Amino acid sequence: MSLKDQIIEDMKNAMRAKDTARLGTIRLLLAAMKQKEVDERIELDDGAVIAIIEKLIKQRKDSISQFQAAKRDDLVVIENAELIVLQAYMPEQMSEAEVAAVVAKAVAEVGATGPQDMGKVMGLVKSQLAGKADMGVVSAQVKAALTK
């Protein structure tokens, strides 16, 4: 079963259970997926769905930090609930040690010697770690590996 089919099935289950918070988040996700399909005239595969989920998760995290700064705890609770639902669809995240091993291998493959090669390394690593690791953490590890 594809990720898209799983999300649709989860929407039906949330409707049956009358879980309005979960249903709203899933509908938001499905709307973003449908928009991408219509805009680009494509059928989304699991990789594209994960990319959409990552984007929505990043938006939620940004909103949470801004709402916390504004002391809007009521909105923080809503965003956190949406974040939890979205994260359930992500593949299991890699540990920092696993990410470091992939980064070290990529640096060796590309033959990177310094910070000027960061783009080459990130291009290779991003394709391998898409959806499996936070790209902010990956970027920091690549930068650290290239400045040694």
N, C-alpha and C. Protein backbone atom coordinates (compact mmCIF):
# COMPACT_ATOMS: atom_id res chain seq x y z
N MET A 1 0.85 -1.17 0.00
CA MET A 1 0.00 0.00 0.00
C MET A 1 0.90 1.24 0.00
N SER A 2 0.63 2.14 -0.91
CA SER A 2 1.44 3.36 -1.00
C SER A 2 1.11 4.28 0.18
N LEU A 3 1.97 5.23 0.40
CA LEU A 3 1.78 6.19 1.49
C LEU A 3 0.52 7.02 1.26
N LYS A 4 0.27 7.37 0.00
CA LYS A 4 -0.91 8.15 -0.34
C LYS A 4 -2.19 7.36 0.01
N ASP A 5 -2.22 6.08 -0.33
CA ASP A 5 -3.37 5.23 -0.01
C ASP A 5 -3.55 5.10 1.50
N GLN A 6 -2.43 5.00 2.22
CA GLN A 6 -2.48 4.89 3.68
C GLN A 6 -3.09 6.16 4.29
N ILE A 7 -2.72 7.31 3.75
CA ILE A 7 -3.24 8.58 4.26
C ILE A 7 -4.74 8.67 4.00
N ILE A 8 -5.18 8.25 2.82
CA ILE A 8 -6.61 8.27 2.50
C ILE A 8 -7.38 7.33 3.43
N GLU A 9 -6.82 6.16 3.67
CA GLU A 9 -7.45 5.20 4.58
C GLU A 9 -7.52 5.76 6.00
N ASP A 10 -6.46 6.45 6.43
CA ASP A 10 -6.46 7.06 7.76
C ASP A 10 -7.51 8.16 7.86
N MET A 11 -7.74 8.88 6.77
CA MET A 11 -8.78 9.90 6.76
C MET A 11 -10.15 9.27 6.98
N LYS A 12 -10.40 8.16 6.30
CA LYS A 12 -11.68 7.47 6.47
C LYS A 12 -11.85 6.99 7.90
N ASN A 13 -10.77 6.45 8.48
CA ASN A 13 -10.84 5.98 9.87
C ASN A 13 -11.08 7.13 10.84
N ALA A 14 -10.46 8.28 10.59
CA ALA A 14 -10.66 9.45 11.44
C ALA A 14 -12.10 9.95 11.34
N MET A 15 -12.68 9.85 10.13
CA MET A 15 -14.09 10.24 9.97
C MET A 15 -15.00 9.32 10.79
N ARG A 16 -14.74 8.02 10.69
CA ARG A 16 -15.55 7.05 11.42
C ARG A 16 -15.43 7.25 12.94
N ALA A 17 -14.22 7.58 13.39
CA ALA A 17 -13.98 7.76 14.82
C ALA A 17 -14.37 9.16 15.30
N LYS A 18 -14.77 10.02 14.36
CA LYS A 18 -15.13 11.41 14.67
C LYS A 18 -13.98 12.14 15.38
N ASP A 19 -12.77 11.85 14.94
CA ASP A 19 -11.56 12.49 15.47
C ASP A 19 -11.30 13.74 14.63
N THR A 20 -11.92 14.85 15.02
CA THR A 20 -11.88 16.05 14.18
C THR A 20 -10.49 16.66 14.05
N ALA A 21 -9.69 16.61 15.11
CA ALA A 21 -8.35 17.20 15.03
C ALA A 21 -7.49 16.44 14.03
N ARG A 22 -7.48 15.13 14.14
CA ARG A 22 -6.70 14.29 13.22
C ARG A 22 -7.24 14.41 11.79
N LEU A 23 -8.55 14.43 11.66
CA LEU A 23 -9.17 14.54 10.34
C LEU A 23 -8.79 15.85 9.67
N GLY A 24 -8.80 16.93 10.41
CA GLY A 24 -8.43 18.23 9.84
C GLY A 24 -7.00 18.25 9.33
N THR A 25 -6.10 17.66 10.08
CA THR A 25 -4.70 17.62 9.68
C THR A 25 -4.52 16.75 8.44
N ILE A 26 -5.18 15.61 8.41
CA ILE A 26 -5.06 14.72 7.25
C ILE A 26 -5.65 15.38 6.01
N ARG A 27 -6.76 16.09 6.18
CA ARG A 27 -7.35 16.80 5.03
C ARG A 27 -6.41 17.89 4.53
N LEU A 28 -5.74 18.56 5.45
CA LEU A 28 -4.76 19.58 5.08
C LEU A 28 -3.64 18.96 4.25
N LEU A 29 -3.17 17.80 4.68
CA LEU A 29 -2.12 17.08 3.96
C LEU A 29 -2.61 16.64 2.58
N LEU A 30 -3.81 16.08 2.52
CA LEU A 30 -4.35 15.64 1.23
C LEU A 30 -4.56 16.82 0.27
N ALA A 31 -4.95 17.96 0.80
CA ALA A 31 -5.12 19.15 -0.04
C ALA A 31 -3.78 19.59 -0.63
N ALA A 32 -2.73 19.55 0.19
CA ALA A 32 -1.39 19.92 -0.31
C ALA A 32 -0.93 18.93 -1.37
N MET A 33 -1.23 17.65 -1.17
CA MET A 33 -0.85 16.62 -2.15
C MET A 33 -1.62 16.84 -3.46
N LYS A 34 -2.91 17.08 -3.36
CA LYS A 34 -3.74 17.29 -4.55
C LYS A 34 -3.29 18.53 -5.31
N GLN A 35 -2.94 19.59 -4.56
CA GLN A 35 -2.47 20.82 -5.20
C GLN A 35 -1.21 20.56 -6.02
N LYS A 36 -0.29 19.79 -5.46
CA LYS A 36 0.95 19.44 -6.17
C LYS A 36 0.65 18.63 -7.42
N GLU A 37 -0.28 17.68 -7.30
CA GLU A 37 -0.64 16.85 -8.46
C GLU A 37 -1.26 17.70 -9.57
N VAL A 38 -2.13 18.62 -9.19
CA VAL A 38 -2.79 19.46 -10.19
C VAL A 38 -1.81 20.43 -10.82
N ASP A 39 -0.98 21.07 -10.00
CA ASP A 39 -0.02 22.06 -10.50
C ASP A 39 0.97 21.44 -11.48
N GLU A 40 1.48 20.26 -11.15
CA GLU A 40 2.52 19.65 -11.96
C GLU A 40 2.02 18.55 -12.88
N ARG A 41 0.73 18.27 -12.82
CA ARG A 41 0.10 17.23 -13.66
C ARG A 41 0.85 15.90 -13.57
N ILE A 42 1.05 15.47 -12.32
CA ILE A 42 1.74 14.21 -12.06
C ILE A 42 0.96 13.40 -11.05
N GLU A 43 1.32 12.13 -10.94
CA GLU A 43 0.82 11.27 -9.87
C GLU A 43 1.94 11.16 -8.84
N LEU A 44 1.66 11.51 -7.60
CA LEU A 44 2.69 11.53 -6.57
C LEU A 44 3.11 10.12 -6.16
N ASP A 45 4.43 9.94 -6.04
CA ASP A 45 4.94 8.69 -5.49
C ASP A 45 5.26 8.94 -4.01
N ASP A 46 5.73 7.92 -3.32
CA ASP A 46 5.99 8.05 -1.89
C ASP A 46 7.04 9.12 -1.58
N GLY A 47 8.05 9.25 -2.44
CA GLY A 47 9.08 10.26 -2.23
C GLY A 47 8.52 11.67 -2.28
N ALA A 48 7.64 11.92 -3.22
CA ALA A 48 7.03 13.25 -3.35
C ALA A 48 6.10 13.53 -2.17
N VAL A 49 5.38 12.51 -1.71
CA VAL A 49 4.49 12.68 -0.56
C VAL A 49 5.32 13.01 0.68
N ILE A 50 6.43 12.33 0.86
CA ILE A 50 7.30 12.59 2.01
C ILE A 50 7.84 14.02 1.95
N ALA A 51 8.18 14.49 0.75
CA ALA A 51 8.67 15.86 0.60
C ALA A 51 7.60 16.87 1.03
N ILE A 52 6.35 16.60 0.69
CA ILE A 52 5.24 17.48 1.08
C ILE A 52 5.07 17.45 2.60
N ILE A 53 5.15 16.26 3.18
CA ILE A 53 5.01 16.13 4.63
C ILE A 53 6.14 16.88 5.33
N GLU A 54 7.37 16.76 4.81
CA GLU A 54 8.51 17.49 5.40
C GLU A 54 8.26 18.99 5.38
N LYS A 55 7.72 19.48 4.27
CA LYS A 55 7.44 20.91 4.15
C LYS A 55 6.39 21.34 5.18
N LEU A 56 5.35 20.54 5.34
CA LEU A 56 4.31 20.87 6.31
C LEU A 56 4.84 20.81 7.75
N ILE A 57 5.73 19.85 8.02
CA ILE A 57 6.33 19.74 9.35
C ILE A 57 7.18 20.97 9.64
N LYS A 58 7.96 21.39 8.64
CA LYS A 58 8.79 22.59 8.83
C LYS A 58 7.91 23.81 9.10
N GLN A 59 6.79 23.93 8.39
CA GLN A 59 5.88 25.05 8.62
C GLN A 59 5.33 25.01 10.05
N ARG A 60 4.98 23.82 10.52
CA ARG A 60 4.44 23.69 11.88
C ARG A 60 5.50 24.09 12.91
N LYS A 61 6.74 23.65 12.71
CA LYS A 61 7.80 23.98 13.66
C LYS A 61 8.05 25.49 13.70
N ASP A 62 8.03 26.13 12.52
CA ASP A 62 8.21 27.58 12.46
C ASP A 62 7.06 28.29 13.18
N SER A 63 5.84 27.81 12.95
CA SER A 63 4.67 28.42 13.59
C SER A 63 4.74 28.27 15.10
N ILE A 64 5.15 27.09 15.56
CA ILE A 64 5.24 26.85 17.00
C ILE A 64 6.22 27.83 17.64
N SER A 65 7.39 28.02 17.02
CA SER A 65 8.38 28.94 17.61
C SER A 65 7.84 30.37 17.63
N GLN A 66 7.13 30.77 16.59
CA GLN A 66 6.59 32.13 16.56
C GLN A 66 5.45 32.30 17.56
N PHE A 67 4.60 31.28 17.69
CA PHE A 67 3.50 31.36 18.66
C PHE A 67 4.04 31.37 20.09
N GLN A 68 5.11 30.62 20.34
CA GLN A 68 5.71 30.63 21.68
C GLN A 68 6.30 32.00 22.00
N ALA A 69 6.91 32.63 21.00
CA ALA A 69 7.47 33.96 21.21
C ALA A 69 6.37 34.98 21.50
N ALA A 70 5.19 34.75 20.91
CA ALA A 70 4.06 35.66 21.12
C ALA A 70 3.21 35.25 22.32
N LYS A 71 3.64 34.18 23.02
CA LYS A 71 2.93 33.67 24.19
C LYS A 71 1.49 33.27 23.86
N ARG A 72 1.31 32.63 22.71
CA ARG A 72 -0.01 32.12 22.30
C ARG A 72 -0.03 30.60 22.49
N ASP A 73 -0.13 30.18 23.75
CA ASP A 73 -0.08 28.76 24.08
C ASP A 73 -1.25 27.98 23.48
N ASP A 74 -2.39 28.63 23.29
CA ASP A 74 -3.54 27.96 22.68
C ASP A 74 -3.22 27.51 21.25
N LEU A 75 -2.52 28.35 20.50
CA LEU A 75 -2.16 28.01 19.13
C LEU A 75 -1.00 27.01 19.09
N VAL A 76 -0.13 27.07 20.07
CA VAL A 76 0.99 26.12 20.15
C VAL A 76 0.45 24.70 20.32
N VAL A 77 -0.58 24.54 21.12
CA VAL A 77 -1.18 23.22 21.35
C VAL A 77 -1.75 22.67 20.04
N ILE A 78 -2.42 23.50 19.29
CA ILE A 78 -3.02 23.07 18.00
C ILE A 78 -1.91 22.66 17.02
N GLU A 79 -0.89 23.48 16.90
CA GLU A 79 0.21 23.19 15.98
C GLU A 79 0.96 21.92 16.38
N ASN A 80 1.15 21.71 17.69
CA ASN A 80 1.81 20.50 18.17
C ASN A 80 1.00 19.26 17.82
N ALA A 81 -0.32 19.34 17.94
CA ALA A 81 -1.17 18.21 17.61
C ALA A 81 -1.05 17.88 16.12
N GLU A 82 -1.03 18.90 15.27
CA GLU A 82 -0.87 18.69 13.83
C GLU A 82 0.51 18.10 13.53
N LEU A 83 1.52 18.58 14.22
CA LEU A 83 2.88 18.10 14.02
C LEU A 83 2.99 16.61 14.34
N ILE A 84 2.35 16.17 15.40
CA ILE A 84 2.39 14.76 15.79
C ILE A 84 1.73 13.89 14.72
N VAL A 85 0.61 14.34 14.18
CA VAL A 85 -0.09 13.57 13.13
C VAL A 85 0.79 13.48 11.89
N LEU A 86 1.41 14.58 11.50
CA LEU A 86 2.25 14.59 10.30
C LEU A 86 3.49 13.72 10.48
N GLN A 87 4.11 13.76 11.64
CA GLN A 87 5.32 12.99 11.87
C GLN A 87 5.07 11.49 11.85
N ALA A 88 3.83 11.09 12.08
CA ALA A 88 3.51 9.66 12.05
C ALA A 88 3.69 9.07 10.64
N TYR A 89 3.64 9.90 9.61
CA TYR A 89 3.77 9.42 8.23
C TYR A 89 5.22 9.42 7.73
N MET A 90 6.12 9.98 8.53
CA MET A 90 7.51 10.02 8.12
C MET A 90 8.19 8.69 8.39
N PRO A 91 9.16 8.31 7.55
CA PRO A 91 9.92 7.09 7.86
C PRO A 91 10.75 7.31 9.11
N GLU A 92 11.21 6.22 9.70
CA GLU A 92 12.00 6.32 10.92
C GLU A 92 13.25 7.16 10.65
N GLN A 93 13.52 8.09 11.56
CA GLN A 93 14.66 9.00 11.40
C GLN A 93 15.96 8.31 11.77
N MET A 94 17.02 8.65 11.04
CA MET A 94 18.34 8.07 11.31
C MET A 94 18.97 8.77 12.51
N SER A 95 19.82 8.05 13.21
CA SER A 95 20.53 8.64 14.35
C SER A 95 21.65 9.55 13.82
N GLU A 96 22.19 10.37 14.72
CA GLU A 96 23.27 11.27 14.31
C GLU A 96 24.51 10.50 13.87
N ALA A 97 24.76 9.35 14.50
CA ALA A 97 25.92 8.53 14.12
C ALA A 97 25.75 7.98 12.71
N GLU A 98 24.54 7.54 12.38
CA GLU A 98 24.28 7.02 11.03
C GLU A 98 24.42 8.13 9.99
N VAL A 99 23.92 9.32 10.32
CA VAL A 99 24.04 10.46 9.41
C VAL A 99 25.50 10.82 9.23
N ALA A 100 26.26 10.81 10.31
CA ALA A 100 27.69 11.13 10.23
C ALA A 100 28.44 10.15 9.34
N ALA A 101 28.06 8.88 9.40
CA ALA A 101 28.69 7.87 8.55
C ALA A 101 28.39 8.13 7.07
N VAL A 102 27.15 8.47 6.76
CA VAL A 102 26.77 8.77 5.38
C VAL A 102 27.51 10.02 4.89
N VAL A 103 27.61 11.03 5.76
CA VAL A 103 28.31 12.27 5.39
C VAL A 103 29.79 11.99 5.13
N ALA A 104 30.41 11.21 6.00
CA ALA A 104 31.83 10.88 5.82
C ALA A 104 32.06 10.13 4.51
N LYS A 105 31.18 9.21 4.20
CA LYS A 105 31.29 8.45 2.96
C LYS A 105 31.12 9.38 1.75
N ALA A 106 30.16 10.29 1.82
CA ALA A 106 29.92 11.22 0.72
C ALA A 106 31.11 12.16 0.52
N VAL A 107 31.70 12.62 1.60
CA VAL A 107 32.87 13.51 1.51
C VAL A 107 34.00 12.78 0.80
N ALA A 108 34.20 11.51 1.15
CA ALA A 108 35.25 10.71 0.51
C ALA A 108 34.93 10.46 -0.96
N GLU A 109 33.67 10.17 -1.27
CA GLU A 109 33.26 9.89 -2.66
C GLU A 109 33.50 11.08 -3.56
N VAL A 110 33.09 12.26 -3.08
CA VAL A 110 33.20 13.48 -3.88
C VAL A 110 34.64 13.97 -3.92
N GLY A 111 35.41 13.62 -2.91
CA GLY A 111 36.78 14.11 -2.81
C GLY A 111 36.81 15.54 -2.33
N ALA A 112 35.86 15.88 -1.46
CA ALA A 112 35.74 17.25 -0.96
C ALA A 112 36.92 17.59 -0.07
N THR A 113 37.41 18.82 -0.24
CA THR A 113 38.57 19.25 0.53
C THR A 113 38.28 20.42 1.45
N GLY A 114 37.21 21.13 1.21
CA GLY A 114 36.92 22.29 2.04
C GLY A 114 35.50 22.77 1.87
N PRO A 115 35.15 23.88 2.52
CA PRO A 115 33.79 24.42 2.49
C PRO A 115 33.27 24.72 1.07
N GLN A 116 34.16 24.95 0.13
CA GLN A 116 33.71 25.24 -1.24
C GLN A 116 33.05 24.02 -1.89
N ASP A 117 33.26 22.83 -1.34
CA ASP A 117 32.68 21.61 -1.89
C ASP A 117 31.38 21.21 -1.20
N MET A 118 30.85 22.07 -0.35
CA MET A 118 29.66 21.72 0.41
C MET A 118 28.47 21.41 -0.49
N GLY A 119 28.30 22.14 -1.57
CA GLY A 119 27.19 21.91 -2.50
C GLY A 119 27.23 20.52 -3.11
N LYS A 120 28.42 20.09 -3.51
CA LYS A 120 28.57 18.75 -4.10
C LYS A 120 28.19 17.67 -3.09
N VAL A 121 28.69 17.82 -1.87
CA VAL A 121 28.43 16.82 -0.82
C VAL A 121 26.94 16.82 -0.47
N MET A 122 26.35 17.99 -0.29
CA MET A 122 24.93 18.07 0.06
C MET A 122 24.05 17.48 -1.04
N GLY A 123 24.43 17.69 -2.29
CA GLY A 123 23.66 17.12 -3.39
C GLY A 123 23.62 15.60 -3.33
N LEU A 124 24.75 15.00 -3.02
CA LEU A 124 24.82 13.55 -2.91
C LEU A 124 24.10 13.04 -1.67
N VAL A 125 24.32 13.71 -0.55
CA VAL A 125 23.75 13.27 0.73
C VAL A 125 22.23 13.46 0.74
N LYS A 126 21.77 14.55 0.16
CA LYS A 126 20.33 14.84 0.19
C LYS A 126 19.53 13.74 -0.49
N SER A 127 20.03 13.22 -1.58
CA SER A 127 19.30 12.15 -2.28
C SER A 127 19.25 10.87 -1.44
N GLN A 128 20.29 10.64 -0.64
CA GLN A 128 20.34 9.42 0.17
C GLN A 128 19.53 9.54 1.46
N LEU A 129 19.43 10.74 2.01
CA LEU A 129 18.81 10.92 3.32
C LEU A 129 17.45 11.60 3.28
N ALA A 130 16.90 11.84 2.11
CA ALA A 130 15.62 12.53 2.01
C ALA A 130 14.55 11.81 2.82
N GLY A 131 13.97 12.52 3.77
CA GLY A 131 12.92 11.96 4.61
C GLY A 131 13.42 11.14 5.78
N LYS A 132 14.69 10.79 5.78
CA LYS A 132 15.23 9.94 6.84
C LYS A 132 15.98 10.73 7.90
N ALA A 133 16.28 11.99 7.59
CA ALA A 133 17.04 12.81 8.54
C ALA A 133 16.67 14.28 8.33
N ASP A 134 16.80 15.06 9.39
CA ASP A 134 16.55 16.49 9.33
C ASP A 134 17.69 17.13 8.54
N MET A 135 17.37 17.80 7.45
CA MET A 135 18.41 18.37 6.58
C MET A 135 19.20 19.48 7.28
N GLY A 136 18.63 20.12 8.27
CA GLY A 136 19.38 21.12 9.04
C GLY A 136 20.53 20.47 9.79
N VAL A 137 20.26 19.32 10.39
CA VAL A 137 21.31 18.57 11.10
C VAL A 137 22.34 18.06 10.11
N VAL A 138 21.88 17.56 8.97
CA VAL A 138 22.78 17.04 7.94
C VAL A 138 23.71 18.15 7.46
N SER A 139 23.14 19.32 7.19
CA SER A 139 23.93 20.45 6.72
C SER A 139 25.01 20.83 7.74
N ALA A 140 24.64 20.85 9.01
CA ALA A 140 25.61 21.19 10.06
C ALA A 140 26.73 20.16 10.11
N GLN A 141 26.38 18.88 9.93
CA GLN A 141 27.41 17.83 9.97
C GLN A 141 28.33 17.92 8.75
N VAL A 142 27.77 18.24 7.59
CA VAL A 142 28.59 18.40 6.39
C VAL A 142 29.55 19.58 6.57
N LYS A 143 29.03 20.67 7.09
CA LYS A 143 29.87 21.85 7.31
C LYS A 143 31.00 21.53 8.28
N ALA A 144 30.67 20.81 9.36
CA ALA A 144 31.69 20.43 10.34
C ALA A 144 32.74 19.51 9.73
N ALA A 145 32.29 18.58 8.89
CA ALA A 145 33.23 17.64 8.27
C ALA A 145 34.17 18.35 7.28
N LEU A 146 33.68 19.40 6.63
CA LEU A 146 34.49 20.09 5.63
C LEU A 146 35.40 21.17 6.23
N THR A 147 35.16 21.56 7.47
CA THR A 147 36.00 22.59 8.06
C THR A 147 37.10 22.01 8.95
N LYS A 148 37.22 20.70 9.00
CA LYS A 148 38.27 20.06 9.82
C LYS A 148 39.61 20.25 9.16
